[in-house]
N, C-alpha and C. Protein backbone atom coordinates (compact mmCIF):
# COMPACT_ATOMS: atom_id res chain seq x y z
N UNK A 1 103.42 63.86 89.52
CA UNK A 1 104.73 63.97 88.87
C UNK A 1 105.13 65.44 88.81
N UNK A 2 106.39 65.72 89.10
CA UNK A 2 106.89 67.08 89.15
C UNK A 2 107.93 67.26 88.07
N UNK A 3 107.75 68.26 87.23
CA UNK A 3 108.66 68.53 86.13
C UNK A 3 109.22 69.93 86.24
N UNK A 4 110.51 70.10 85.96
CA UNK A 4 111.12 71.42 85.90
C UNK A 4 111.39 71.74 84.44
N UNK A 5 110.80 72.81 83.96
CA UNK A 5 110.99 73.18 82.56
C UNK A 5 111.33 74.65 82.47
N UNK A 6 111.35 75.18 81.24
CA UNK A 6 111.77 76.55 81.00
C UNK A 6 110.91 77.57 81.72
N UNK A 7 111.51 78.70 82.05
CA UNK A 7 110.84 79.73 82.83
C UNK A 7 109.98 80.62 81.94
N UNK A 8 109.32 81.55 82.58
CA UNK A 8 108.49 82.55 81.95
C UNK A 8 109.34 83.58 81.21
N UNK A 9 108.66 84.51 80.52
CA UNK A 9 109.35 85.56 79.81
C UNK A 9 110.13 86.44 80.79
N UNK A 10 111.33 86.85 80.42
CA UNK A 10 112.16 87.63 81.33
C UNK A 10 112.76 88.82 80.61
N UNK A 11 113.26 89.76 81.40
CA UNK A 11 113.91 90.94 80.87
C UNK A 11 115.40 90.84 81.16
N UNK A 12 116.22 90.98 80.11
CA UNK A 12 117.68 90.93 80.25
C UNK A 12 118.15 89.63 80.89
N UNK A 13 117.52 88.53 80.53
CA UNK A 13 117.89 87.23 81.06
C UNK A 13 118.53 86.39 79.97
N UNK A 14 119.26 85.35 80.38
CA UNK A 14 119.85 84.40 79.45
C UNK A 14 119.31 83.02 79.75
N UNK A 15 118.91 82.29 78.69
CA UNK A 15 118.41 80.94 78.87
C UNK A 15 119.50 79.95 78.52
N UNK A 16 119.77 79.03 79.42
CA UNK A 16 120.79 78.01 79.22
C UNK A 16 120.10 76.67 79.12
N UNK A 17 120.27 75.98 78.00
CA UNK A 17 119.60 74.71 77.79
C UNK A 17 120.55 73.56 78.07
N UNK A 18 120.11 72.57 78.85
CA UNK A 18 120.90 71.38 79.09
C UNK A 18 120.04 70.16 78.77
N UNK A 19 120.49 68.97 79.15
CA UNK A 19 119.79 67.76 78.79
C UNK A 19 118.45 67.63 79.51
N UNK A 20 118.29 68.29 80.63
CA UNK A 20 117.09 68.09 81.44
C UNK A 20 116.06 69.21 81.31
N UNK A 21 116.52 70.45 81.29
CA UNK A 21 115.55 71.54 81.28
C UNK A 21 116.22 72.82 80.78
N UNK A 22 115.45 73.89 80.77
CA UNK A 22 115.95 75.21 80.40
C UNK A 22 115.96 76.07 81.66
N UNK A 23 117.12 76.53 82.03
CA UNK A 23 117.28 77.34 83.23
C UNK A 23 117.49 78.78 82.81
N UNK A 24 116.73 79.68 83.39
CA UNK A 24 116.89 81.10 83.09
C UNK A 24 117.80 81.72 84.15
N UNK A 25 118.87 82.37 83.68
CA UNK A 25 119.82 83.00 84.58
C UNK A 25 119.67 84.51 84.51
N UNK A 26 119.70 85.14 85.66
CA UNK A 26 119.57 86.59 85.73
C UNK A 26 120.48 87.07 86.85
N UNK A 27 121.65 87.57 86.47
CA UNK A 27 122.58 88.10 87.46
C UNK A 27 123.00 87.08 88.50
N UNK A 28 123.17 85.82 88.09
CA UNK A 28 123.56 84.79 89.03
C UNK A 28 122.39 84.10 89.71
N UNK A 29 121.18 84.61 89.49
CA UNK A 29 119.98 84.00 90.06
C UNK A 29 119.35 83.08 89.01
N UNK A 30 119.09 81.83 89.39
CA UNK A 30 118.52 80.85 88.48
C UNK A 30 117.03 80.67 88.79
N UNK A 31 116.22 80.63 87.72
CA UNK A 31 114.78 80.46 87.87
C UNK A 31 114.35 79.21 87.11
N UNK A 32 113.59 78.35 87.74
CA UNK A 32 113.10 77.15 87.08
C UNK A 32 111.59 77.03 87.28
N UNK A 33 110.88 76.85 86.20
CA UNK A 33 109.43 76.69 86.30
C UNK A 33 109.09 75.26 86.69
N UNK A 34 108.16 75.12 87.64
CA UNK A 34 107.73 73.81 88.10
C UNK A 34 106.39 73.48 87.44
N UNK A 35 106.38 72.42 86.67
CA UNK A 35 105.15 71.97 86.04
C UNK A 35 104.64 70.75 86.80
N UNK A 36 103.65 70.94 87.64
CA UNK A 36 103.07 69.83 88.39
C UNK A 36 101.91 69.26 87.60
N UNK A 37 101.89 67.95 87.48
CA UNK A 37 100.84 67.29 86.70
C UNK A 37 99.59 67.12 87.56
N UNK A 38 98.67 68.09 87.45
CA UNK A 38 97.42 68.04 88.19
C UNK A 38 96.24 67.86 87.25
N UNK A 39 96.50 67.42 86.01
CA UNK A 39 95.44 67.32 85.01
C UNK A 39 94.37 66.30 85.38
N UNK A 40 94.74 65.30 86.18
CA UNK A 40 93.79 64.26 86.54
C UNK A 40 93.20 64.46 87.93
N UNK A 41 93.42 65.63 88.51
CA UNK A 41 92.95 65.89 89.87
C UNK A 41 91.45 66.18 89.84
N UNK A 42 90.71 65.46 90.66
CA UNK A 42 89.28 65.67 90.80
C UNK A 42 89.01 66.11 92.23
N UNK A 43 88.78 67.40 92.40
CA UNK A 43 88.58 67.98 93.73
C UNK A 43 87.17 68.53 93.83
N UNK A 44 86.55 68.27 94.94
CA UNK A 44 85.19 68.77 95.15
C UNK A 44 85.06 69.31 96.57
N UNK A 45 84.65 70.56 96.68
CA UNK A 45 84.41 71.15 98.00
C UNK A 45 82.98 70.82 98.39
N UNK A 46 82.84 69.77 99.20
CA UNK A 46 81.51 69.28 99.56
C UNK A 46 80.78 70.23 100.50
N UNK A 47 81.52 71.09 101.14
CA UNK A 47 80.93 72.07 102.05
C UNK A 47 81.71 73.38 101.91
N UNK A 48 81.03 74.47 101.65
CA UNK A 48 81.74 75.75 101.54
C UNK A 48 82.34 76.16 102.88
N UNK A 49 83.24 77.11 102.83
CA UNK A 49 83.89 77.58 104.06
C UNK A 49 82.86 78.25 104.97
N UNK A 50 82.85 77.83 106.21
CA UNK A 50 81.99 78.44 107.22
C UNK A 50 82.89 79.04 108.29
N UNK A 51 82.66 80.29 108.63
CA UNK A 51 83.50 80.98 109.60
C UNK A 51 82.66 81.35 110.81
N UNK A 52 83.14 80.99 111.99
CA UNK A 52 82.46 81.34 113.24
C UNK A 52 83.47 81.90 114.23
N UNK A 53 83.10 82.99 114.86
CA UNK A 53 83.96 83.58 115.87
C UNK A 53 83.63 83.02 117.25
N UNK A 54 84.66 82.65 117.97
CA UNK A 54 84.50 82.15 119.34
C UNK A 54 85.47 82.93 120.23
N UNK A 55 85.36 82.70 121.53
CA UNK A 55 86.20 83.44 122.48
C UNK A 55 87.68 83.18 122.24
N UNK A 56 88.01 81.95 121.85
CA UNK A 56 89.42 81.59 121.69
C UNK A 56 90.00 81.98 120.32
N UNK A 57 89.14 82.44 119.40
CA UNK A 57 89.64 82.83 118.09
C UNK A 57 88.57 82.67 117.02
N UNK A 58 88.95 82.09 115.89
CA UNK A 58 88.03 81.93 114.77
C UNK A 58 88.04 80.47 114.34
N UNK A 59 86.86 79.90 114.10
CA UNK A 59 86.72 78.52 113.66
C UNK A 59 86.36 78.50 112.19
N UNK A 60 87.16 77.76 111.39
CA UNK A 60 86.89 77.60 109.97
C UNK A 60 86.50 76.14 109.71
N UNK A 61 85.40 75.94 109.02
CA UNK A 61 84.97 74.60 108.66
C UNK A 61 84.83 74.50 107.15
N UNK A 62 85.35 73.43 106.57
CA UNK A 62 85.24 73.23 105.13
C UNK A 62 85.38 71.75 104.83
N UNK A 63 84.62 71.25 103.88
CA UNK A 63 84.70 69.86 103.48
C UNK A 63 85.31 69.74 102.10
N UNK A 64 86.34 68.91 101.95
CA UNK A 64 87.04 68.72 100.68
C UNK A 64 87.11 67.23 100.36
N UNK A 65 86.73 66.88 99.15
CA UNK A 65 86.81 65.50 98.71
C UNK A 65 87.74 65.40 97.50
N UNK A 66 88.66 64.42 97.55
CA UNK A 66 89.57 64.20 96.43
C UNK A 66 90.06 62.76 96.47
N UNK A 67 90.79 62.37 95.46
CA UNK A 67 91.31 61.02 95.37
C UNK A 67 92.19 60.73 96.59
N UNK A 68 91.83 59.73 97.41
CA UNK A 68 92.61 59.45 98.61
C UNK A 68 94.02 58.96 98.32
N UNK A 69 94.26 58.55 97.08
CA UNK A 69 95.60 58.09 96.71
C UNK A 69 96.56 59.25 96.46
N UNK A 70 96.00 60.44 96.30
CA UNK A 70 96.85 61.63 96.12
C UNK A 70 97.12 62.26 97.49
N UNK A 71 98.38 62.52 97.77
CA UNK A 71 98.76 63.04 99.08
C UNK A 71 98.65 64.56 99.12
N UNK A 72 97.42 65.02 99.15
CA UNK A 72 97.18 66.45 99.22
C UNK A 72 97.02 66.90 100.67
N UNK A 73 97.45 68.13 100.93
CA UNK A 73 97.30 68.75 102.24
C UNK A 73 96.48 70.01 102.09
N UNK A 74 95.56 70.23 103.02
CA UNK A 74 94.78 71.46 103.01
C UNK A 74 95.58 72.58 103.68
N UNK A 75 95.51 73.73 103.08
CA UNK A 75 96.22 74.88 103.64
C UNK A 75 95.29 76.07 103.62
N UNK A 76 95.38 76.90 104.63
CA UNK A 76 94.52 78.07 104.72
C UNK A 76 95.36 79.35 104.71
N UNK A 77 94.90 80.32 103.95
CA UNK A 77 95.54 81.63 103.89
C UNK A 77 94.50 82.67 104.28
N UNK A 78 94.79 83.41 105.32
CA UNK A 78 93.88 84.45 105.81
C UNK A 78 94.50 85.80 105.49
N UNK A 79 93.87 86.52 104.55
CA UNK A 79 94.45 87.75 104.02
C UNK A 79 95.89 87.45 103.61
N UNK A 80 96.81 88.24 104.04
CA UNK A 80 98.22 87.96 103.73
C UNK A 80 99.03 87.86 105.01
N UNK A 81 98.36 87.44 106.09
CA UNK A 81 99.04 87.50 107.38
C UNK A 81 99.19 86.13 108.04
N UNK A 82 98.32 85.18 107.73
CA UNK A 82 98.34 83.90 108.43
C UNK A 82 98.27 82.77 107.43
N UNK A 83 99.15 81.80 107.60
CA UNK A 83 99.28 80.67 106.68
C UNK A 83 99.41 79.41 107.52
N UNK A 84 98.49 78.47 107.38
CA UNK A 84 98.55 77.26 108.20
C UNK A 84 98.10 76.03 107.40
N UNK A 85 98.70 74.88 107.73
CA UNK A 85 98.22 73.60 107.23
C UNK A 85 97.26 73.01 108.26
N UNK A 86 96.31 72.19 107.79
CA UNK A 86 95.46 71.49 108.73
C UNK A 86 94.91 70.22 108.07
N UNK A 87 94.56 69.23 108.89
CA UNK A 87 94.16 67.92 108.40
C UNK A 87 92.67 67.68 108.48
N UNK A 88 92.02 68.16 109.52
CA UNK A 88 90.61 67.88 109.71
C UNK A 88 89.74 68.88 108.93
N UNK A 89 88.43 68.65 108.95
CA UNK A 89 87.52 69.55 108.26
C UNK A 89 87.26 70.82 109.05
N UNK A 90 87.70 70.84 110.29
CA UNK A 90 87.53 72.03 111.11
C UNK A 90 88.88 72.52 111.59
N UNK A 91 89.07 73.81 111.53
CA UNK A 91 90.35 74.41 111.87
C UNK A 91 90.09 75.58 112.80
N UNK A 92 90.74 75.60 113.95
CA UNK A 92 90.58 76.68 114.92
C UNK A 92 91.82 77.56 114.90
N UNK A 93 91.63 78.80 114.61
CA UNK A 93 92.72 79.76 114.58
C UNK A 93 92.68 80.58 115.87
N UNK A 94 93.63 80.36 116.74
CA UNK A 94 93.67 81.08 118.01
C UNK A 94 94.40 82.40 117.83
N UNK A 95 93.69 83.30 117.22
CA UNK A 95 94.29 84.59 116.88
C UNK A 95 93.19 85.64 116.93
N UNK A 96 93.42 86.69 117.66
CA UNK A 96 92.41 87.74 117.78
C UNK A 96 92.53 88.68 116.60
N UNK A 97 91.48 88.75 115.82
CA UNK A 97 91.49 89.55 114.60
C UNK A 97 91.01 90.97 114.87
N UNK A 98 91.62 91.91 114.18
CA UNK A 98 91.21 93.30 114.29
C UNK A 98 90.00 93.56 113.39
N UNK A 99 89.39 94.71 113.55
CA UNK A 99 88.26 95.07 112.70
C UNK A 99 88.71 95.20 111.25
N UNK A 100 87.84 94.78 110.34
CA UNK A 100 88.16 94.88 108.92
C UNK A 100 87.63 93.67 108.16
N UNK A 101 87.97 93.61 106.88
CA UNK A 101 87.53 92.51 106.04
C UNK A 101 88.61 91.45 105.90
N UNK A 102 88.20 90.18 105.81
CA UNK A 102 89.15 89.08 105.73
C UNK A 102 88.75 88.12 104.60
N UNK A 103 89.74 87.80 103.77
CA UNK A 103 89.55 86.83 102.70
C UNK A 103 90.20 85.52 103.15
N UNK A 104 89.40 84.47 103.22
CA UNK A 104 89.88 83.16 103.65
C UNK A 104 90.00 82.26 102.43
N UNK A 105 91.21 81.87 102.08
CA UNK A 105 91.45 81.00 100.95
C UNK A 105 91.89 79.63 101.47
N UNK A 106 91.12 78.60 101.16
CA UNK A 106 91.50 77.22 101.48
C UNK A 106 91.86 76.53 100.18
N UNK A 107 93.08 76.00 100.10
CA UNK A 107 93.55 75.39 98.86
C UNK A 107 94.33 74.11 99.19
N UNK A 108 94.69 73.38 98.16
CA UNK A 108 95.41 72.12 98.32
C UNK A 108 96.83 72.25 97.83
N UNK A 109 97.76 71.58 98.52
CA UNK A 109 99.13 71.48 98.04
C UNK A 109 99.44 70.00 97.85
N UNK A 110 100.32 69.71 96.90
CA UNK A 110 100.68 68.32 96.64
C UNK A 110 101.84 67.88 97.52
N UNK A 111 102.35 66.69 97.25
CA UNK A 111 103.41 66.14 98.10
C UNK A 111 104.72 66.90 97.98
N UNK A 112 104.84 67.78 96.97
CA UNK A 112 106.03 68.60 96.80
C UNK A 112 105.88 69.99 97.41
N UNK A 113 104.72 70.25 98.01
CA UNK A 113 104.48 71.55 98.61
C UNK A 113 104.03 72.60 97.63
N UNK A 114 103.60 72.18 96.43
CA UNK A 114 103.16 73.10 95.38
C UNK A 114 101.64 73.10 95.32
N UNK A 115 101.03 74.27 95.20
CA UNK A 115 99.58 74.35 95.15
C UNK A 115 99.05 73.70 93.89
N UNK A 116 97.90 73.06 94.01
CA UNK A 116 97.26 72.39 92.88
C UNK A 116 96.69 73.46 91.95
N UNK A 117 97.13 73.44 90.70
CA UNK A 117 96.73 74.47 89.72
C UNK A 117 95.45 74.04 89.01
N UNK A 118 94.35 74.29 89.67
CA UNK A 118 93.04 73.96 89.13
C UNK A 118 92.03 74.94 89.71
N UNK A 119 91.07 75.42 88.88
CA UNK A 119 90.07 76.36 89.42
C UNK A 119 89.17 75.75 90.47
N UNK A 120 89.18 74.40 90.58
CA UNK A 120 88.33 73.72 91.54
C UNK A 120 89.10 73.25 92.77
N UNK A 121 90.38 73.60 92.86
CA UNK A 121 91.22 73.11 93.94
C UNK A 121 91.34 74.10 95.09
N UNK A 122 90.42 75.05 95.15
CA UNK A 122 90.44 76.03 96.24
C UNK A 122 89.05 76.59 96.43
N UNK A 123 88.83 77.16 97.58
CA UNK A 123 87.58 77.85 97.86
C UNK A 123 87.92 79.11 98.64
N UNK A 124 87.11 80.13 98.46
CA UNK A 124 87.38 81.40 99.12
C UNK A 124 86.11 81.93 99.75
N UNK A 125 86.26 82.54 100.91
CA UNK A 125 85.13 83.10 101.63
C UNK A 125 85.56 84.43 102.25
N UNK A 126 84.64 85.37 102.27
CA UNK A 126 84.91 86.68 102.85
C UNK A 126 84.08 86.83 104.12
N UNK A 127 84.71 87.34 105.17
CA UNK A 127 83.95 87.70 106.36
C UNK A 127 84.52 89.00 106.91
N UNK A 128 83.76 89.65 107.74
CA UNK A 128 84.22 90.94 108.25
C UNK A 128 83.95 91.08 109.73
N UNK A 129 84.80 91.86 110.35
CA UNK A 129 84.64 92.24 111.74
C UNK A 129 84.49 93.76 111.74
N UNK A 130 83.31 94.23 112.05
CA UNK A 130 83.04 95.64 111.88
C UNK A 130 82.70 95.93 110.43
N UNK A 131 82.84 97.16 110.01
CA UNK A 131 82.50 97.55 108.64
C UNK A 131 83.62 97.27 107.67
N UNK A 132 83.29 96.65 106.54
CA UNK A 132 84.25 96.38 105.48
C UNK A 132 83.50 96.01 104.22
N UNK A 133 84.08 96.33 103.06
CA UNK A 133 83.46 96.00 101.79
C UNK A 133 84.24 94.89 101.11
N UNK A 134 83.52 93.97 100.47
CA UNK A 134 84.18 92.90 99.75
C UNK A 134 84.30 93.28 98.29
N UNK A 135 85.18 92.60 97.57
CA UNK A 135 85.38 92.88 96.16
C UNK A 135 84.25 92.25 95.36
N UNK A 136 84.01 92.70 94.11
CA UNK A 136 82.95 92.13 93.28
C UNK A 136 83.09 90.62 93.13
N UNK A 137 81.98 89.94 92.91
CA UNK A 137 81.92 88.48 92.91
C UNK A 137 82.86 87.85 91.90
N UNK A 138 82.95 88.40 90.70
CA UNK A 138 83.75 87.79 89.63
C UNK A 138 85.08 88.49 89.41
N UNK A 139 85.56 89.22 90.38
CA UNK A 139 86.81 89.95 90.25
C UNK A 139 88.01 88.99 90.14
N UNK A 140 88.92 89.27 89.21
CA UNK A 140 90.14 88.47 89.09
C UNK A 140 91.02 88.72 90.31
N UNK A 141 91.57 87.64 90.85
CA UNK A 141 92.35 87.76 92.08
C UNK A 141 93.62 86.93 92.02
N UNK A 142 94.65 87.42 92.68
CA UNK A 142 95.92 86.71 92.82
C UNK A 142 96.27 86.65 94.30
N UNK A 143 96.69 85.48 94.75
CA UNK A 143 97.12 85.31 96.14
C UNK A 143 98.52 84.71 96.14
N UNK A 144 99.46 85.42 96.75
CA UNK A 144 100.84 84.96 96.85
C UNK A 144 100.94 83.94 97.99
N UNK A 145 101.28 82.71 97.67
CA UNK A 145 101.32 81.63 98.65
C UNK A 145 102.71 81.40 99.22
N UNK A 146 103.73 81.61 98.39
CA UNK A 146 105.11 81.38 98.82
C UNK A 146 106.02 82.26 97.96
N UNK A 147 107.07 82.85 98.55
CA UNK A 147 107.61 82.61 99.89
C UNK A 147 106.82 83.30 100.98
N UNK A 148 106.96 82.80 102.20
CA UNK A 148 106.34 83.44 103.34
C UNK A 148 107.27 84.56 103.82
N UNK A 149 106.76 85.36 104.74
CA UNK A 149 107.57 86.47 105.25
C UNK A 149 108.39 86.04 106.46
N UNK A 150 108.95 84.83 106.37
CA UNK A 150 109.80 84.31 107.44
C UNK A 150 111.18 83.97 106.87
N UNK A 151 112.10 83.70 107.76
CA UNK A 151 113.44 83.31 107.33
C UNK A 151 113.48 81.82 107.04
N UNK A 152 114.28 81.44 106.06
CA UNK A 152 114.41 80.04 105.67
C UNK A 152 115.88 79.67 105.58
N UNK A 153 116.19 78.41 105.89
CA UNK A 153 117.56 77.92 105.79
C UNK A 153 117.78 77.18 104.47
N UNK A 154 116.75 77.09 103.62
CA UNK A 154 116.90 76.44 102.33
C UNK A 154 117.74 77.30 101.40
N UNK A 155 118.38 76.65 100.42
CA UNK A 155 119.19 77.39 99.46
C UNK A 155 118.41 77.73 98.20
N UNK A 156 117.11 77.44 98.20
CA UNK A 156 116.26 77.80 97.09
C UNK A 156 114.92 78.28 97.62
N UNK A 157 114.23 79.09 96.83
CA UNK A 157 112.98 79.71 97.25
C UNK A 157 111.86 79.23 96.33
N UNK A 158 110.75 78.82 96.92
CA UNK A 158 109.58 78.45 96.14
C UNK A 158 108.71 79.67 95.93
N UNK A 159 108.46 80.01 94.67
CA UNK A 159 107.54 81.09 94.32
C UNK A 159 106.25 80.43 93.83
N UNK A 160 105.18 80.62 94.58
CA UNK A 160 103.92 79.97 94.24
C UNK A 160 102.77 80.94 94.50
N UNK A 161 101.71 80.82 93.71
CA UNK A 161 100.57 81.73 93.83
C UNK A 161 99.32 81.02 93.33
N UNK A 162 98.17 81.52 93.76
CA UNK A 162 96.90 80.97 93.31
C UNK A 162 96.09 82.07 92.63
N UNK A 163 95.41 81.69 91.54
CA UNK A 163 94.63 82.64 90.75
C UNK A 163 93.15 82.29 90.80
N UNK A 164 92.32 83.32 90.82
CA UNK A 164 90.87 83.15 90.79
C UNK A 164 90.31 83.99 89.66
N UNK A 165 89.47 83.38 88.82
CA UNK A 165 88.81 84.03 87.68
C UNK A 165 89.79 84.45 86.59
N UNK A 166 90.98 83.89 86.59
CA UNK A 166 91.93 84.07 85.49
C UNK A 166 92.93 82.92 85.55
N UNK A 167 93.46 82.55 84.39
CA UNK A 167 94.52 81.53 84.33
C UNK A 167 95.69 82.00 83.48
N UNK A 168 95.72 83.31 83.18
CA UNK A 168 96.78 83.95 82.40
C UNK A 168 96.78 83.50 80.93
N UNK A 169 95.68 82.94 80.46
CA UNK A 169 95.61 82.52 79.06
C UNK A 169 94.85 83.50 78.18
N UNK A 170 94.36 84.57 78.78
CA UNK A 170 93.58 85.55 78.03
C UNK A 170 94.32 86.87 77.86
N UNK A 171 95.63 86.85 78.07
CA UNK A 171 96.43 88.07 77.94
C UNK A 171 96.83 88.66 79.27
N UNK A 172 96.21 88.23 80.36
CA UNK A 172 96.64 88.68 81.68
C UNK A 172 98.05 88.16 81.96
N UNK A 173 98.79 88.88 82.78
CA UNK A 173 100.14 88.43 83.14
C UNK A 173 100.52 89.00 84.50
N UNK A 174 101.64 88.53 85.03
CA UNK A 174 102.11 88.98 86.33
C UNK A 174 103.50 89.57 86.19
N UNK A 175 103.65 90.81 86.60
CA UNK A 175 104.97 91.45 86.68
C UNK A 175 105.63 91.04 87.98
N UNK A 176 106.88 90.62 87.90
CA UNK A 176 107.63 90.22 89.09
C UNK A 176 108.91 91.04 89.17
N UNK A 177 109.16 91.61 90.31
CA UNK A 177 110.41 92.35 90.55
C UNK A 177 111.03 91.81 91.83
N UNK A 178 112.25 91.32 91.74
CA UNK A 178 112.97 90.77 92.89
C UNK A 178 114.11 91.70 93.25
N UNK A 179 114.11 92.15 94.48
CA UNK A 179 115.17 93.02 95.02
C UNK A 179 115.34 94.29 94.19
N UNK A 180 114.26 94.78 93.61
CA UNK A 180 114.23 96.05 92.86
C UNK A 180 115.10 96.04 91.61
N UNK A 181 115.59 94.87 91.18
CA UNK A 181 116.48 94.87 90.01
C UNK A 181 116.24 93.72 89.05
N UNK A 182 115.73 92.59 89.52
CA UNK A 182 115.47 91.47 88.62
C UNK A 182 114.00 91.51 88.21
N UNK A 183 113.74 91.82 86.94
CA UNK A 183 112.38 91.98 86.46
C UNK A 183 111.99 90.82 85.55
N UNK A 184 110.78 90.30 85.77
CA UNK A 184 110.30 89.16 85.01
C UNK A 184 108.81 89.31 84.72
N UNK A 185 108.35 88.56 83.74
CA UNK A 185 106.93 88.54 83.40
C UNK A 185 106.46 87.09 83.39
N UNK A 186 105.45 86.80 84.18
CA UNK A 186 104.88 85.46 84.22
C UNK A 186 103.65 85.42 83.32
N UNK A 187 103.64 84.51 82.37
CA UNK A 187 102.51 84.37 81.46
C UNK A 187 101.90 82.97 81.53
N UNK A 188 102.34 82.17 82.50
CA UNK A 188 101.85 80.81 82.64
C UNK A 188 101.63 80.53 84.13
N UNK A 189 100.49 79.91 84.44
CA UNK A 189 100.17 79.64 85.84
C UNK A 189 100.96 78.44 86.32
N UNK A 190 102.14 78.70 86.85
CA UNK A 190 103.03 77.65 87.36
C UNK A 190 103.78 78.19 88.57
N UNK A 191 104.26 77.27 89.37
CA UNK A 191 105.15 77.64 90.47
C UNK A 191 106.58 77.67 89.95
N UNK A 192 107.48 78.28 90.70
CA UNK A 192 108.86 78.42 90.27
C UNK A 192 109.81 78.19 91.44
N UNK A 193 110.99 77.70 91.11
CA UNK A 193 112.08 77.61 92.07
C UNK A 193 113.12 78.67 91.73
N UNK A 194 113.52 79.42 92.75
CA UNK A 194 114.53 80.46 92.56
C UNK A 194 115.78 80.04 93.32
N UNK A 195 116.89 79.95 92.61
CA UNK A 195 118.15 79.52 93.22
C UNK A 195 119.22 80.59 93.01
N UNK A 196 120.22 80.55 93.86
CA UNK A 196 121.34 81.46 93.70
C UNK A 196 121.23 82.76 94.46
N UNK A 197 120.20 82.91 95.30
CA UNK A 197 120.06 84.13 96.08
C UNK A 197 121.06 84.13 97.25
N UNK A 198 121.53 85.30 97.58
CA UNK A 198 122.45 85.43 98.71
C UNK A 198 121.70 85.34 100.02
N UNK A 199 122.40 85.08 101.10
CA UNK A 199 121.77 85.09 102.42
C UNK A 199 121.39 86.52 102.77
N UNK A 200 120.44 86.66 103.66
CA UNK A 200 119.99 87.98 104.05
C UNK A 200 118.57 88.24 103.58
N UNK A 201 118.15 89.48 103.67
CA UNK A 201 116.76 89.85 103.35
C UNK A 201 116.60 90.12 101.86
N UNK A 202 115.43 89.73 101.35
CA UNK A 202 115.08 89.97 99.95
C UNK A 202 113.67 90.52 99.87
N UNK A 203 113.39 91.20 98.77
CA UNK A 203 112.06 91.79 98.57
C UNK A 203 111.48 91.31 97.25
N UNK A 204 110.24 90.86 97.30
CA UNK A 204 109.54 90.36 96.12
C UNK A 204 108.28 91.19 95.90
N UNK A 205 108.10 91.66 94.67
CA UNK A 205 106.90 92.42 94.32
C UNK A 205 106.23 91.75 93.13
N UNK A 206 104.92 91.47 93.25
CA UNK A 206 104.17 90.84 92.17
C UNK A 206 102.91 91.66 91.89
N UNK A 207 102.62 91.86 90.60
CA UNK A 207 101.48 92.67 90.19
C UNK A 207 100.73 91.97 89.07
N UNK A 208 99.45 91.74 89.27
CA UNK A 208 98.60 91.13 88.24
C UNK A 208 98.08 92.23 87.32
N UNK A 209 98.32 92.06 86.00
CA UNK A 209 97.92 93.08 85.03
C UNK A 209 97.12 92.46 83.89
N UNK A 210 96.33 93.29 83.22
CA UNK A 210 95.60 92.82 82.05
C UNK A 210 96.47 92.99 80.81
N UNK A 211 95.95 92.59 79.65
CA UNK A 211 96.75 92.59 78.43
C UNK A 211 97.17 93.99 77.98
N UNK A 212 96.52 95.01 78.52
CA UNK A 212 96.88 96.39 78.19
C UNK A 212 97.91 96.96 79.17
N UNK A 213 98.29 96.17 80.16
CA UNK A 213 99.29 96.63 81.13
C UNK A 213 98.70 97.35 82.32
N UNK A 214 97.38 97.33 82.45
CA UNK A 214 96.74 97.97 83.59
C UNK A 214 96.71 97.03 84.79
N UNK A 215 96.94 97.56 85.98
CA UNK A 215 96.86 96.77 87.20
C UNK A 215 95.40 96.37 87.43
N UNK A 216 95.16 95.08 87.61
CA UNK A 216 93.81 94.59 87.86
C UNK A 216 93.47 94.80 89.33
N UNK A 217 92.35 95.47 89.57
CA UNK A 217 91.96 95.78 90.94
C UNK A 217 91.69 94.51 91.74
N UNK A 218 92.16 94.48 92.97
CA UNK A 218 91.96 93.33 93.85
C UNK A 218 92.73 93.54 95.13
N UNK A 219 92.35 92.88 96.21
CA UNK A 219 92.98 93.14 97.51
C UNK A 219 94.46 92.80 97.55
N UNK A 220 94.90 91.79 96.77
CA UNK A 220 96.31 91.37 96.81
C UNK A 220 96.87 91.18 95.41
N UNK A 221 96.33 91.92 94.45
CA UNK A 221 96.82 91.82 93.07
C UNK A 221 98.08 92.64 92.84
N UNK A 222 98.44 93.47 93.79
CA UNK A 222 99.68 94.25 93.73
C UNK A 222 100.29 94.15 95.12
N UNK A 223 101.19 93.19 95.28
CA UNK A 223 101.64 92.83 96.63
C UNK A 223 103.16 92.84 96.73
N UNK A 224 103.64 93.21 97.88
CA UNK A 224 105.08 93.21 98.14
C UNK A 224 105.33 92.40 99.41
N UNK A 225 106.33 91.52 99.34
CA UNK A 225 106.63 90.68 100.49
C UNK A 225 108.13 90.61 100.72
N UNK A 226 108.53 90.64 101.97
CA UNK A 226 109.93 90.51 102.36
C UNK A 226 110.16 89.11 102.92
N UNK A 227 111.28 88.52 102.57
CA UNK A 227 111.66 87.21 103.11
C UNK A 227 113.18 87.19 103.26
N UNK A 228 113.68 86.21 103.96
CA UNK A 228 115.13 86.17 104.14
C UNK A 228 115.64 84.74 104.10
N UNK A 229 116.90 84.61 103.75
CA UNK A 229 117.59 83.33 103.72
C UNK A 229 118.74 83.37 104.73
N UNK A 230 118.84 82.32 105.51
CA UNK A 230 119.90 82.28 106.54
C UNK A 230 121.11 81.48 106.07
């Protein structure tokens, strides 16, 4: 079940309440928080991510078990450069990787295209080509899942992210800046729909911070992404 409810804390925003939900307006841009009901989701990664390099690219293998009645799709995020859906337990990425470290995040999305908000609904693995250092084992991490850095013909934008070792309930929060002028603070782990954006290029910046306002160290905890609407 998918619910649209009131948005996160905002700066210089106005909240308009109607019969269905609370819409936050900011300079003509509307933000709606998506509350996906994943409370009954039972996900088990029966096999951790295994990465093997072959001549044609990189092979990722992972086993995921969940309720077959739920229409979940597996999706893979490799660093912040490659995003793909796949159905089988093995996924071949025909892409030649440069030297460096790579974080492979395999997660589930529901029938609405929203990531499952559960600490057990994803798995992450680090591998390297050449010399590279990985982050500490229990480091808090944020991965921006949507929007992608491609152009879209939709009139609304899905803002979605996955968190590791934090759920924003301990004082951590996410600073969001859209187009260098719309500033927001996310204090709840939810996806959002953004409506009212003009066509053309837009810039999104997200930063994961602790309760004291310090940026939490991590490979993608302070990220900037460009996307466009046609």
